[in-house]
Each structure stands twice: as structure tokens, then as C-alpha cells.
Amino acid sequence: MSDITVEVLKKALPDKYKVRITDEFADKINQLLDDPDYTEIYRDNFLAYSTVLNDGKFKMEEYLNAVKYCSHKLMGRSNIDSYIRTFPDRYNDFLAKGYSDKEISAQVSIYNKGKLPNSILEQSIIPSWIINQDLHQKAINVLADLMMTANSEKVRADSANSLLVHLKPPEVKKVELDIGVKSNKEIDDMKTLLAELSAKQLQLIDNGMASVVDVAHTKIVEAEYKEVENE
């Protein structure tokens, strides 16, 4: 990855920092972000989370250190490991002074609770499509311009098709309810009882023992019964 240029810094950093952006400033930033293994990650995160500088007065070196610390945190490393990788000289100084593990852990905890690291970590959980909404709109504008002005018919058609795909309104999903009645013993018993009752009513009508009107007005009474043994 190439070095961060003055132009890139002016676009990425808040206005209050732009007055100090020079070639020397850019060189210093690139030097501080340089690392055999993590240069690209540091640089990407330095540019991605620069909006946190809008809220508060932070020195650029403080922001750079916070970017490094949070980069390691986002890679799944522990607080102490991230701190050691960000501040190796400070950690060695703690050891030289005879700090215990508990005392070093306390220093790490204080830094981890700081406003700048937490602001970066909070922003890191925001989906990238939200952070880059302005780029999303710019991409749409470019496609729209190509659709209208490109000399190639294929380019115009491809641009139009891409716009139709990406600007398609969300589909309305229909909710289907399963209201089927599942069979159980009580329902089966009721069906059997009604079938037997209907058969007996038809028999009464056929034998002239009841009329259709009588059957229609028959009341069904719920009752319990028990068998009695013959004495």
C-alpha cells in the first residue's frame, strides 16, 4: 500500500487539523504507522475512524496510538496484549520499575476505558454501508450519468440495469398462517357421536316416531355416566 498523501489527509481529517497538514506532517504520519506486519491495517483504520477526532481535542499522536491499540483489539487480542504491541517502550519501562502484574493491569485498564479508544471501538461496530453512505450515493450518481451520456449502448444498458437492481424497492413478504386443525381423540370421539346421533334421528323419522321439526329442535345435553354392576 502506498503512503498516505497530503491530499488524502485533507479529505480524511476534520477541518481543525487541516491547517497543519504539510508534506512533513504526512511523512511523520506514515513513519508512525509503519510496521513490518500491520502497516496496511493501521493505515486503513487511521483513515476509517478519523471522524472520532471531531468530538474532543486530541493530539494526532494520541489518535495514532489509539488506532494501533484498537486495531489489535479488533483482531481478537486481549487488552494487555494490545497495549504491549502499541506501547512496547512504556511496557518495558513498567518492567524496569518493578511494576507487578496487577499494577500493569491497572494501567492497561485505565487506557482501555479512555474516551478515544472507546470512540473508535464504538464506531467499528457501525456497518460499513452506513459509514459510506455518501460513497453509495456518489456511485448511484455515476451510474445515472453513464446511463444518460455514455457513447456505448452497452455501457448505457449495463448502467441502467445496475441501477434497477440496486434501487429495487424491498419486496413485501406475505405472512402465511397455518390454521389447520390437527386431529385428536376428543375431536374423533365427537365426530363418531354426531354420526351415531344422525343415524338414530334418521331412523326415528323413517319409523314415524319423530318429525323433521322435532329432530331440528333436539337439544344435546352434556352429561356424565357410569356403569352400574348388576346385583
Foldseek 3Di string as FASTA:
>chain_A
DDFQDLVLCCVQADPVCNVVRDRVVSVVLLVLLDDPPCSVQLVVLCRLLNVVCVPDPDDPVVLSLLSQLLSVVVVVDDLLVSNCVSCVVVVVVCVVVPPDPVRSVVVSVVVCPDPNNVSSVVVVPPDPCVSCVVVVVVVLVVLVCQLPDPPDPVSVVVSVVVNCVVVPDDDDDDDDDDPDDDDDDVVVVVVVVVVVVVVVVVVCCVVVNDHPVRVVPDDDDDDDDDDDDDD
